[in-house]
């Protein structure tokens, strides 16, 4: 081959570009998807702030306020009856059996609330020995459905001025009132049972004493109740709590063992018993207005709410006000009167 032909010969070089084309197609597809997504947000203020995405979903309160401002005559909604952390010691619903068995019926109707009692196994002397039947373990107790409620009126101008904030606060106040109504019903039911055991301390010369808790726990055990830490709650009045606090703080050994009352000014748990100040205690002596405290085992009472708190609004177009009504329907029953001890005191507050 001549020198000329070597210099001018065209050399064909083959390169496989299929992999590059595949990557290019994949990138083109991703760009197309991203472009479509960005197009959806065109003209919208979806993202606000730095890294914060705001939801367009409005709360129930906001929707109600908008409806009221728009002239709606009636609105209603339900709200859970929750006990906030700062009010945790004020609601008995956290310390009793709560069931959803109540799904129908109206106030005044009778409802049967089921229960299952505790029992002990037989100790057999030999394999296959005879067992004793445990009777009346499962049953029901009849009680009446009650409805509690209240209403207030708020001027149109206040709804327009304060909006969500004023309705939100009213909602919380109604929920707290529902909790106190449950407490009152439960305690009135307990004191109405003549077979509940009692400790009579009306002549003790004080509103309460730490030793009374020991006596009440002992009585529960004598009645066959197994008592473990935090199985029981003690309902007392502010004056009873004051004397209990003084009794604990006045004892150096108790203060050393349980310093919380000194730090907080409140007895939350003592001897494994949760302390509750429900704001209401029934009178065991209506002449002298003497109050009773109650040591209640967790299996003593059943609370059956029909539904959560119902809040309804209605416009009073004549007086230019919004009528707001809150109602709560439930039943409560004492299913084991041997799981409660009534402590009769001379306290009146």
Protein backbone atom coordinates (compact mmCIF):
# COMPACT_ATOMS: atom_id res chain seq x y z
CA UNK A 1 0.00 0.00 0.00
CA UNK A 2 1.37 3.42 -0.97
CA UNK A 3 2.20 6.26 1.47
CA UNK A 4 -0.58 8.37 -0.16
CA UNK A 5 -3.32 5.84 0.39
CA UNK A 6 -2.41 5.39 4.06
CA UNK A 7 -2.66 9.10 4.77
CA UNK A 8 -6.07 9.57 3.11
CA UNK A 9 -7.88 6.34 4.10
CA UNK A 10 -11.03 6.87 6.20
CA UNK A 11 -11.17 4.66 9.28
CA UNK A 12 -14.71 3.74 10.50
CA UNK A 13 -15.04 3.71 14.34
CA UNK A 14 -18.19 2.15 15.88
CA UNK A 15 -19.37 3.33 19.37
CA UNK A 16 -22.32 1.76 21.30
CA UNK A 17 -24.53 4.69 22.45
CA UNK A 18 -27.56 2.66 23.58
CA UNK A 19 -26.74 3.08 27.29
CA UNK A 20 -26.40 6.87 26.90
CA UNK A 21 -29.71 7.00 25.05
CA UNK A 22 -31.39 5.01 27.84
CA UNK A 23 -30.14 7.45 30.46
CA UNK A 24 -31.22 10.42 28.34
CA UNK A 25 -34.73 9.00 27.96
CA UNK A 26 -34.97 8.36 31.70
CA UNK A 27 -33.86 11.92 32.52
CA UNK A 28 -36.31 13.34 29.97
CA UNK A 29 -39.14 11.41 31.64
CA UNK A 30 -38.25 12.71 35.09
CA UNK A 31 -38.11 16.29 33.81
CA UNK A 32 -41.55 15.84 32.24
CA UNK A 33 -43.07 14.58 35.53
CA UNK A 34 -41.47 17.43 37.49
CA UNK A 35 -42.75 19.97 34.97
CA UNK A 36 -46.31 18.60 35.30
CA UNK A 37 -46.17 18.78 39.12
CA UNK A 38 -44.88 22.35 39.07
CA UNK A 39 -47.65 23.30 36.66
CA UNK A 40 -50.25 22.23 39.24
CA UNK A 41 -48.90 24.76 41.73
CA UNK A 42 -48.79 27.60 39.22
CA UNK A 43 -50.74 30.54 40.61
CA UNK A 44 -51.19 28.85 44.03
CA UNK A 45 -49.67 29.90 47.33
CA UNK A 46 -49.15 26.35 48.55
CA UNK A 47 -45.86 26.85 50.33
CA UNK A 48 -45.42 29.53 52.93
CA UNK A 49 -42.48 30.33 55.18
CA UNK A 50 -39.21 28.46 55.21
CA UNK A 51 -39.80 24.73 55.06
CA UNK A 52 -43.37 25.02 56.42
CA UNK A 53 -46.34 23.54 54.58
CA UNK A 54 -49.70 24.93 55.66
CA UNK A 55 -52.76 22.68 55.45
CA UNK A 56 -55.87 23.92 53.67
CA UNK A 57 -58.02 21.67 55.92
CA UNK A 58 -60.06 23.81 58.29
CA UNK A 59 -60.85 22.80 61.86
CA UNK A 60 -64.38 22.10 63.01
CA UNK A 61 -64.43 25.34 65.02
CA UNK A 62 -63.33 27.38 61.96
CA UNK A 63 -66.06 25.82 59.82
CA UNK A 64 -68.70 26.52 62.48
CA UNK A 65 -67.62 30.14 62.87
CA UNK A 66 -67.73 30.66 59.10
CA UNK A 67 -71.19 29.09 58.94
CA UNK A 68 -72.46 31.32 61.77
CA UNK A 69 -71.04 34.43 60.15
CA UNK A 70 -72.66 33.40 56.89
CA UNK A 71 -76.07 33.33 58.58
CA UNK A 72 -76.55 29.62 59.34
CA UNK A 73 -79.32 29.16 61.93
CA UNK A 74 -78.13 25.83 63.34
CA UNK A 75 -74.78 24.07 63.66
CA UNK A 76 -73.79 21.07 65.77
CA UNK A 77 -70.69 18.98 66.38
CA UNK A 78 -69.25 16.53 68.90
CA UNK A 79 -66.01 16.88 70.80
CA UNK A 80 -64.06 14.32 72.85
CA UNK A 81 -64.21 14.64 76.63
CA UNK A 82 -60.51 14.56 77.38
CA UNK A 83 -58.91 15.33 80.71
CA UNK A 84 -55.93 17.65 80.14
CA UNK A 85 -52.71 16.97 82.02
CA UNK A 86 -53.17 19.88 84.44
CA UNK A 87 -56.64 18.55 85.33
CA UNK A 88 -55.73 14.86 85.37
CA UNK A 89 -56.65 14.38 89.02
CA UNK A 90 -60.13 15.82 88.59
CA UNK A 91 -61.89 13.16 86.50
CA UNK A 92 -63.08 9.78 87.78
CA UNK A 93 -63.48 8.47 84.21
CA UNK A 94 -59.73 7.81 84.26
CA UNK A 95 -60.03 5.60 87.35
CA UNK A 96 -63.09 3.44 86.63
CA UNK A 97 -64.14 0.96 83.96
CA UNK A 98 -65.38 2.78 80.86
CA UNK A 99 -67.45 0.88 78.31
CA UNK A 100 -69.10 1.72 74.99
CA UNK A 101 -71.99 -0.67 75.64
CA UNK A 102 -74.42 2.26 75.66
CA UNK A 103 -75.24 2.92 72.00
CA UNK A 104 -78.99 3.57 72.15
CA UNK A 105 -81.69 4.76 74.47
CA UNK A 106 -82.75 8.16 75.72
CA UNK A 107 -82.50 9.90 79.10
CA UNK A 108 -84.69 8.12 81.64
CA UNK A 109 -84.43 4.73 79.93
CA UNK A 110 -83.14 1.74 81.87
CA UNK A 111 -79.98 0.08 80.61
CA UNK A 112 -78.23 -3.11 81.74
CA UNK A 113 -74.47 -2.74 82.19
CA UNK A 114 -72.58 -6.06 82.19
CA UNK A 115 -69.85 -6.94 84.67
CA UNK A 116 -67.42 -9.79 85.41
CA UNK A 117 -66.41 -10.40 89.02
CA UNK A 118 -63.04 -11.59 90.27
CA UNK A 119 -62.53 -15.04 91.81
CA UNK A 120 -59.87 -17.40 93.22
CA UNK A 121 -58.83 -20.79 91.86
CA UNK A 122 -59.43 -23.91 93.93
CA UNK A 123 -56.33 -25.67 95.24
CA UNK A 124 -56.58 -29.34 94.30
CA UNK A 125 -55.07 -32.03 96.50
CA UNK A 126 -54.53 -34.34 93.52
CA UNK A 127 -54.51 -34.24 89.74
CA UNK A 128 -58.05 -34.31 88.40
CA UNK A 129 -59.58 -33.39 91.74
CA UNK A 130 -63.06 -31.91 91.83
CA UNK A 131 -63.56 -28.18 91.16
CA UNK A 132 -66.08 -25.87 92.78
CA UNK A 133 -68.31 -23.89 90.44
CA UNK A 134 -67.86 -20.14 90.62
CA UNK A 135 -71.32 -18.65 90.39
CA UNK A 136 -72.54 -15.15 89.60
CA UNK A 137 -69.25 -14.15 87.99
CA UNK A 138 -70.98 -12.66 84.96
CA UNK A 139 -74.07 -10.53 85.25
CA UNK A 140 -75.52 -7.11 84.66
CA UNK A 141 -76.81 -4.28 86.75
CA UNK A 142 -79.66 -1.96 85.82
CA UNK A 143 -79.23 1.77 85.88
CA UNK A 144 -80.83 4.82 84.30
CA UNK A 145 -79.47 6.85 81.42
CA UNK A 146 -79.00 10.49 82.38
CA UNK A 147 -78.47 13.59 80.30
CA UNK A 148 -76.64 16.63 81.60
CA UNK A 149 -76.22 19.96 79.92
CA UNK A 150 -76.27 23.73 79.95
CA UNK A 151 -76.46 26.61 77.52
CA UNK A 152 -75.19 30.14 77.22
CA UNK A 153 -75.68 33.00 74.77
CA UNK A 154 -73.01 34.99 72.98
CA UNK A 155 -73.63 38.21 71.06
CA UNK A 156 -73.15 38.22 67.29
CA UNK A 157 -70.53 40.93 67.72
CA UNK A 158 -68.42 38.72 70.02
CA UNK A 159 -68.49 35.83 67.54
CA UNK A 160 -67.42 38.18 64.77
CA UNK A 161 -64.77 39.78 66.96
CA UNK A 162 -63.23 36.70 68.62
CA UNK A 163 -64.28 33.91 66.22
CA UNK A 164 -62.47 30.62 66.68
CA UNK A 165 -60.90 31.58 70.01
CA UNK A 166 -64.15 32.21 71.88
CA UNK A 167 -65.82 29.01 70.61
CA UNK A 168 -62.71 26.96 71.34
CA UNK A 169 -62.64 28.16 74.93
CA UNK A 170 -66.36 27.51 75.38
CA UNK A 171 -65.85 23.99 74.04
CA UNK A 172 -63.20 23.27 76.70
CA UNK A 173 -65.39 24.72 79.48
CA UNK A 174 -68.31 22.53 78.42
CA UNK A 175 -66.01 19.46 78.41
CA UNK A 176 -64.81 20.20 81.96
CA UNK A 177 -68.42 20.58 83.11
CA UNK A 178 -69.22 17.17 81.59
CA UNK A 179 -66.34 15.61 83.57
CA UNK A 180 -67.63 17.09 86.82
CA UNK A 181 -71.15 15.82 86.04
CA UNK A 182 -69.77 12.29 85.62
CA UNK A 183 -67.96 12.59 88.95
CA UNK A 184 -71.12 13.71 90.74
CA UNK A 185 -73.24 10.92 89.27
CA UNK A 186 -70.70 8.25 90.22
CA UNK A 187 -70.27 9.49 93.81
CA UNK A 188 -74.02 9.91 94.34
CA UNK A 189 -74.52 6.35 93.06
CA UNK A 190 -71.94 5.01 95.52
CA UNK A 191 -73.31 6.76 98.59
CA UNK A 192 -76.81 5.63 97.63
CA UNK A 193 -75.83 1.96 98.13
CA UNK A 194 -76.49 0.97 101.74
CA UNK A 195 -74.15 -2.04 101.51
CA UNK A 196 -70.99 -0.03 100.90
CA UNK A 197 -68.63 -0.50 103.86
CA UNK A 198 -67.69 2.55 105.88
CA UNK A 199 -65.25 4.07 108.33
CA UNK A 200 -66.94 6.55 110.67
CA UNK A 201 -64.43 9.28 111.54
CA UNK A 202 -66.87 12.08 112.37
CA UNK A 203 -65.64 12.21 115.98
CA UNK A 204 -61.92 12.26 115.14
CA UNK A 205 -61.51 16.02 115.61
CA UNK A 206 -59.88 16.49 112.21
CA UNK A 207 -60.96 16.45 108.60
CA UNK A 208 -58.59 13.68 107.53
CA UNK A 209 -55.68 11.55 108.68
CA UNK A 210 -53.10 9.56 106.70
CA UNK A 211 -53.84 6.49 108.85
CA UNK A 212 -57.40 6.42 107.51
CA UNK A 213 -56.05 5.40 104.11
CA UNK A 214 -54.34 2.43 105.73
CA UNK A 215 -57.57 1.45 107.47
CA UNK A 216 -59.60 1.76 104.27
CA UNK A 217 -57.09 -0.35 102.32
CA UNK A 218 -57.21 -2.98 105.06
CA UNK A 219 -61.01 -3.07 104.87
CA UNK A 220 -60.87 -3.61 101.11
CA UNK A 221 -58.51 -6.54 101.63
CA UNK A 222 -60.77 -7.99 104.33
CA UNK A 223 -63.56 -7.91 101.76
CA UNK A 224 -61.51 -10.05 99.39
CA UNK A 225 -60.18 -7.32 97.11
CA UNK A 226 -56.66 -7.58 95.76
CA UNK A 227 -55.00 -4.21 96.15
CA UNK A 228 -51.91 -3.32 94.14
CA UNK A 229 -50.22 0.08 93.81
CA UNK A 230 -52.42 2.57 91.95
CA UNK A 231 -55.38 0.16 91.83
CA UNK A 232 -57.36 2.59 94.00
CA UNK A 233 -58.30 6.25 93.96
CA UNK A 234 -59.19 8.33 97.01
CA UNK A 235 -61.78 11.08 96.54
CA UNK A 236 -61.48 13.81 99.17
CA UNK A 237 -62.44 17.46 99.61
CA UNK A 238 -60.05 20.44 99.72
CA UNK A 239 -60.30 20.57 103.54
CA UNK A 240 -59.57 16.83 103.78
CA UNK A 241 -56.58 17.26 101.47
CA UNK A 242 -55.32 20.12 103.64
CA UNK A 243 -55.29 17.93 106.77
CA UNK A 244 -53.72 15.04 104.87
CA UNK A 245 -50.99 17.35 103.57
CA UNK A 246 -50.35 18.70 107.09
CA UNK A 247 -50.18 15.15 108.42
CA UNK A 248 -47.56 14.15 105.84
CA UNK A 249 -45.49 17.34 106.01
CA UNK A 250 -45.56 17.23 109.83
CA UNK A 251 -43.92 13.82 109.84
CA UNK A 252 -40.18 13.87 109.19
CA UNK A 253 -40.02 10.19 108.12
CA UNK A 254 -42.94 10.65 105.69
CA UNK A 255 -41.45 13.86 104.31
CA UNK A 256 -38.14 12.08 103.74
CA UNK A 257 -39.85 9.13 102.04
CA UNK A 258 -42.34 11.23 100.03
CA UNK A 259 -40.87 14.71 99.41
CA UNK A 260 -43.28 15.52 96.55
CA UNK A 261 -45.97 17.11 98.78
CA UNK A 262 -43.37 19.52 100.17
CA UNK A 263 -42.19 20.48 96.69
CA UNK A 264 -45.59 20.69 94.99
CA UNK A 265 -48.07 21.40 97.79
CA UNK A 266 -50.22 18.53 96.57
CA UNK A 267 -50.52 14.86 97.55
CA UNK A 268 -50.80 13.06 94.20
CA UNK A 269 -50.18 9.47 95.29
CA UNK A 270 -49.91 8.17 98.84
CA UNK A 271 -49.37 4.52 99.83
CA UNK A 272 -50.04 3.53 96.23
CA UNK A 273 -53.41 5.32 96.22
CA UNK A 274 -54.10 8.12 93.73
CA UNK A 275 -55.53 11.22 95.37
CA UNK A 276 -58.43 12.96 93.63
CA UNK A 277 -60.15 16.25 94.53
CA UNK A 278 -63.27 16.09 92.33
CA UNK A 279 -64.80 19.39 93.50
CA UNK A 280 -67.93 17.60 94.78
CA UNK A 281 -68.50 15.09 97.55
CA UNK A 282 -71.92 13.92 98.78
CA UNK A 283 -73.05 14.62 102.35
CA UNK A 284 -73.53 11.66 104.66
CA UNK A 285 -75.10 14.00 107.24
CA UNK A 286 -77.37 16.59 105.58
CA UNK A 287 -78.12 18.30 108.90
CA UNK A 288 -74.50 19.11 109.72
CA UNK A 289 -73.42 19.00 106.07
CA UNK A 290 -70.68 16.48 106.82
CA UNK A 291 -68.94 15.11 103.73
CA UNK A 292 -67.77 11.59 102.93
CA UNK A 293 -64.51 10.64 101.28
CA UNK A 294 -64.31 7.46 99.19
CA UNK A 295 -61.61 4.89 98.54
CA UNK A 296 -62.62 3.34 95.20
CA UNK A 297 -61.07 0.26 93.58
CA UNK A 298 -60.73 0.45 89.81
CA UNK A 299 -63.21 -2.43 89.32
CA UNK A 300 -65.99 -0.95 91.47
CA UNK A 301 -67.74 1.34 88.98
CA UNK A 302 -68.66 1.20 85.30
CA UNK A 303 -69.17 4.40 83.29
CA UNK A 304 -71.02 4.08 79.97
CA UNK A 305 -71.01 7.26 77.85
CA UNK A 306 -73.57 7.18 75.03
CA UNK A 307 -71.53 9.55 72.91
CA UNK A 308 -69.04 12.33 73.28
CA UNK A 309 -70.03 15.85 74.31
CA UNK A 310 -72.55 17.33 71.86
CA UNK A 311 -72.40 21.07 71.23
CA UNK A 312 -75.15 22.84 69.26
CA UNK A 313 -75.62 26.45 68.22
CA UNK A 314 -78.75 28.32 67.21
CA UNK A 315 -79.21 31.91 66.12
CA UNK A 316 -81.54 34.17 68.08
CA UNK A 317 -82.28 36.59 65.27
CA UNK A 318 -84.42 38.81 67.51
CA UNK A 319 -81.83 39.43 70.22
CA UNK A 320 -78.86 39.13 67.84
CA UNK A 321 -77.26 36.35 69.88
CA UNK A 322 -75.93 32.84 69.33
CA UNK A 323 -77.35 30.26 71.74
CA UNK A 324 -74.73 27.57 72.48
CA UNK A 325 -75.88 24.36 74.18
CA UNK A 326 -73.69 21.51 75.43
CA UNK A 327 -75.15 18.12 76.42
CA UNK A 328 -73.69 14.81 77.56
CA UNK A 329 -75.56 11.49 77.90
CA UNK A 330 -74.23 8.58 79.95
CA UNK A 331 -74.99 5.92 82.56
CA UNK A 332 -73.00 4.95 85.65
CA UNK A 333 -73.37 1.92 87.91
CA UNK A 334 -71.72 0.54 91.04
CA UNK A 335 -71.11 -3.09 90.06
CA UNK A 336 -69.17 -4.16 93.18
CA UNK A 337 -70.08 -2.47 96.47
CA UNK A 338 -67.35 -4.46 98.24
CA UNK A 339 -64.74 -2.59 96.21
CA UNK A 340 -65.50 0.77 97.84
CA UNK A 341 -64.98 2.16 101.34
CA UNK A 342 -66.86 5.28 102.46
CA UNK A 343 -64.94 7.43 104.94
CA UNK A 344 -67.38 9.55 106.92
CA UNK A 345 -65.80 12.78 108.16
CA UNK A 346 -66.79 15.97 109.92
CA UNK A 347 -65.44 18.05 107.03
CA UNK A 348 -67.92 20.48 105.48
CA UNK A 349 -65.66 21.91 102.75
